[in-house]
Each structure stands twice: as structure tokens, then as C-alpha cells.
């Protein structure tokens, strides 16, 4: 159990801050969960066609950028994840266009 869970705020402002923090925490966790789900969709699309993979990459990059802009995730994490996904996308595109 966290130390902060069993301590109740006393002042009105502290009570309001607790409510805001709980609400923000739930929202941030939902955003992070959406990002992870989208990355998994991208990885699953690696087996499929390139155009579908490109769509999944665009969605993942968009979610990462929005989360980084709002500081839900660190901007460097977003940039790193986008670079990793872009590398996989580029590899798939180059192998798909390579003549047999």
C-alpha cells in the first residue's frame, strides 16, 4: 500500500488537489494504455500489407506526439518509440520493393 493512500487531506484545497490528481492519473493511464495498444497493433501489422502498416504507424506516431505534448510521456520516449517503429516500417518497405 502506498504511503499517500491512507492519509486524508484536511484543507479544502488539498481535498480538491487529491480529486484532480486522481482524475489526471486515470486519464494519463488511459492514454498510456492506448499508446501501448497502438504499438501492439503496429507490430501485429508487420505481417500484413505495407499500406496497413503505414496507417498503424501514423496512428501510433500521432498518439505518441499528443501524449508528449501534454507531458503524459517524456518527449524523448516518444521520439525513441517513433524512431524504433519507423525503422521497422522502413525495413518492411525496402524489403517489399526489392525485386526478387
C-alpha atoms as a PDB file:
ATOM      1  CA  UNK A   1       0.000   0.000   0.000  1.00  0.00           C
ATOM      2  CA  UNK A   2       1.298   3.446  -0.879  1.00  0.00           C
ATOM      3  CA  UNK A   3       2.067   5.865   1.889  1.00  0.00           C
ATOM      4  CA  UNK A   4      -0.214   8.500   0.367  1.00  0.00           C
ATOM      5  CA  UNK A   5      -3.276   6.256   0.130  1.00  0.00           C
ATOM      6  CA  UNK A   6      -4.027   6.115   3.850  1.00  0.00           C
ATOM      7  CA  UNK A   7      -3.531   9.833   4.522  1.00  0.00           C
ATOM      8  CA  UNK A   8      -6.555  12.050   4.089  1.00  0.00           C
ATOM      9  CA  UNK A   9      -6.219  15.724   3.209  1.00  0.00           C
ATOM     10  CA  UNK A  10      -7.504  18.280   5.677  1.00  0.00           C
ATOM     11  CA  UNK A  11      -7.814  21.582   3.840  1.00  0.00           C
ATOM     12  CA  UNK A  12     -10.318  22.221   1.055  1.00  0.00           C
ATOM     13  CA  UNK A  13      -7.547  22.922  -1.437  1.00  0.00           C
ATOM     14  CA  UNK A  14      -5.757  19.689  -0.530  1.00  0.00           C
ATOM     15  CA  UNK A  15      -9.002  17.751  -0.983  1.00  0.00           C
ATOM     16  CA  UNK A  16      -9.556  19.337  -4.373  1.00  0.00           C
ATOM     17  CA  UNK A  17      -5.954  18.619  -5.396  1.00  0.00           C
ATOM     18  CA  UNK A  18      -6.453  14.971  -4.422  1.00  0.00           C
ATOM     19  CA  UNK A  19      -9.555  14.763  -6.631  1.00  0.00           C
ATOM     20  CA  UNK A  20      -7.715  16.419  -9.526  1.00  0.00           C
ATOM     21  CA  UNK A  21      -4.712  14.116  -9.136  1.00  0.00           C
ATOM     22  CA  UNK A  22      -6.903  11.005  -9.145  1.00  0.00           C
ATOM     23  CA  UNK A  23      -8.739  12.188 -12.253  1.00  0.00           C
ATOM     24  CA  UNK A  24      -5.498  13.074 -14.042  1.00  0.00           C
ATOM     25  CA  UNK A  25      -3.920   9.755 -13.048  1.00  0.00           C
ATOM     26  CA  UNK A  26      -6.805   7.794 -14.576  1.00  0.00           C
ATOM     27  CA  UNK A  27      -6.636   9.862 -17.767  1.00  0.00           C
ATOM     28  CA  UNK A  28      -2.860   9.521 -18.060  1.00  0.00           C
ATOM     29  CA  UNK A  29      -3.053   5.760 -17.552  1.00  0.00           C
ATOM     30  CA  UNK A  30      -5.735   5.503 -20.245  1.00  0.00           C
ATOM     31  CA  UNK A  31      -3.584   7.474 -22.691  1.00  0.00           C
ATOM     32  CA  UNK A  32      -0.541   5.307 -21.975  1.00  0.00           C
ATOM     33  CA  UNK A  33      -2.655   2.164 -22.403  1.00  0.00           C
ATOM     34  CA  UNK A  34      -3.890   3.475 -25.786  1.00  0.00           C
ATOM     35  CA  UNK A  35      -0.300   4.081 -26.894  1.00  0.00           C
ATOM     36  CA  UNK A  36       0.780   0.573 -25.913  1.00  0.00           C
ATOM     37  CA  UNK A  37      -2.245  -0.932 -27.685  1.00  0.00           C
ATOM     38  CA  UNK A  38      -1.487   1.031 -30.848  1.00  0.00           C
ATOM     39  CA  UNK A  39       2.163  -0.079 -30.799  1.00  0.00           C
ATOM     40  CA  UNK A  40       0.992  -3.697 -30.485  1.00  0.00           C
ATOM     41  CA  UNK A  41      -1.338  -3.167 -33.455  1.00  0.00           C
ATOM     42  CA  UNK A  42       1.589  -1.819 -35.454  1.00  0.00           C
ATOM     43  CA  UNK A  43       3.720  -4.839 -34.564  1.00  0.00           C
ATOM     44  CA  UNK A  44       0.869  -7.180 -35.481  1.00  0.00           C
ATOM     45  CA  UNK A  45       0.512  -5.393 -38.851  1.00  0.00           C
ATOM     46  CA  UNK A  46       4.145  -6.176 -39.730  1.00  0.00           C
ATOM     47  CA  UNK A  47       2.930  -9.417 -41.311  1.00  0.00           C
ATOM     48  CA  UNK A  48       0.312  -7.666 -43.462  1.00  0.00           C
ATOM     49  CA  UNK A  49       0.422  -5.203 -46.347  1.00  0.00           C
ATOM     50  CA  UNK A  50       2.631  -2.107 -46.267  1.00  0.00           C
ATOM     51  CA  UNK A  51      -0.243   0.391 -46.601  1.00  0.00           C
ATOM     52  CA  UNK A  52      -1.928  -1.002 -43.473  1.00  0.00           C
ATOM     53  CA  UNK A  53       1.395  -0.862 -41.634  1.00  0.00           C
ATOM     54  CA  UNK A  54       1.801   2.787 -42.666  1.00  0.00           C
ATOM     55  CA  UNK A  55      -1.664   3.619 -41.275  1.00  0.00           C
ATOM     56  CA  UNK A  56      -0.860   1.911 -37.971  1.00  0.00           C
ATOM     57  CA  UNK A  57       2.460   3.775 -37.771  1.00  0.00           C
ATOM     58  CA  UNK A  58       0.760   7.121 -38.414  1.00  0.00           C
ATOM     59  CA  UNK A  59      -1.753   6.468 -35.632  1.00  0.00           C
ATOM     60  CA  UNK A  60       0.953   5.389 -33.198  1.00  0.00           C
ATOM     61  CA  UNK A  61       3.095   8.436 -34.009  1.00  0.00           C
ATOM     62  CA  UNK A  62       0.103  10.734 -33.571  1.00  0.00           C
ATOM     63  CA  UNK A  63      -0.755   9.265 -30.158  1.00  0.00           C
ATOM     64  CA  UNK A  64       2.865   9.471 -29.037  1.00  0.00           C
ATOM     65  CA  UNK A  65       3.178  13.095 -30.188  1.00  0.00           C
ATOM     66  CA  UNK A  66      -0.012  14.161 -28.429  1.00  0.00           C
ATOM     67  CA  UNK A  67       0.998  12.440 -25.197  1.00  0.00           C
ATOM     68  CA  UNK A  68       4.464  14.008 -25.343  1.00  0.00           C
ATOM     69  CA  UNK A  69       3.000  17.459 -25.993  1.00  0.00           C
ATOM     70  CA  UNK A  70       0.894  17.108 -22.842  1.00  0.00           C
ATOM     71  CA  UNK A  71       3.862  15.592 -20.939  1.00  0.00           C
ATOM     72  CA  UNK A  72       1.981  12.367 -20.236  1.00  0.00           C
ATOM     73  CA  UNK A  73       5.070  10.603 -21.561  1.00  0.00           C
ATOM     74  CA  UNK A  74       8.533  12.117 -21.819  1.00  0.00           C
ATOM     75  CA  UNK A  75       9.200  13.668 -25.238  1.00  0.00           C
ATOM     76  CA  UNK A  76      12.406  11.640 -25.597  1.00  0.00           C
ATOM     77  CA  UNK A  77      10.455   8.424 -25.013  1.00  0.00           C
ATOM     78  CA  UNK A  78       8.013   9.412 -27.750  1.00  0.00           C
ATOM     79  CA  UNK A  79      10.860  10.231 -30.146  1.00  0.00           C
ATOM     80  CA  UNK A  80      12.610   6.953 -29.353  1.00  0.00           C
ATOM     81  CA  UNK A  81       9.477   4.854 -29.870  1.00  0.00           C
ATOM     82  CA  UNK A  82       8.691   6.640 -33.144  1.00  0.00           C
ATOM     83  CA  UNK A  83      12.242   6.019 -34.374  1.00  0.00           C
ATOM     84  CA  UNK A  84      12.014   2.317 -33.468  1.00  0.00           C
ATOM     85  CA  UNK A  85       8.691   1.930 -35.256  1.00  0.00           C
ATOM     86  CA  UNK A  86       9.880   3.956 -38.261  1.00  0.00           C
ATOM     87  CA  UNK A  87      12.907   1.698 -38.596  1.00  0.00           C
ATOM     88  CA  UNK A  88      10.656  -1.382 -38.701  1.00  0.00           C
ATOM     89  CA  UNK A  89       8.386   0.344 -41.231  1.00  0.00           C
ATOM     90  CA  UNK A  90      11.343   1.331 -43.431  1.00  0.00           C
ATOM     91  CA  UNK A  91      12.716  -2.224 -43.337  1.00  0.00           C
ATOM     92  CA  UNK A  92       9.337  -3.576 -44.393  1.00  0.00           C
ATOM     93  CA  UNK A  93       9.013  -1.036 -47.232  1.00  0.00           C
ATOM     94  CA  UNK A  94      12.514  -1.705 -48.588  1.00  0.00           C
ATOM     95  CA  UNK A  95      12.070  -5.483 -48.496  1.00  0.00           C
ATOM     96  CA  UNK A  96       8.638  -5.198 -50.155  1.00  0.00           C
ATOM     97  CA  UNK A  97      10.021  -3.035 -53.013  1.00  0.00           C
ATOM     98  CA  UNK A  98      13.151  -5.125 -53.515  1.00  0.00           C
ATOM     99  CA  UNK A  99      12.942  -7.134 -56.758  1.00  0.00           C
ATOM    100  CA  UNK A 100      13.126 -10.901 -56.259  1.00  0.00           C
END
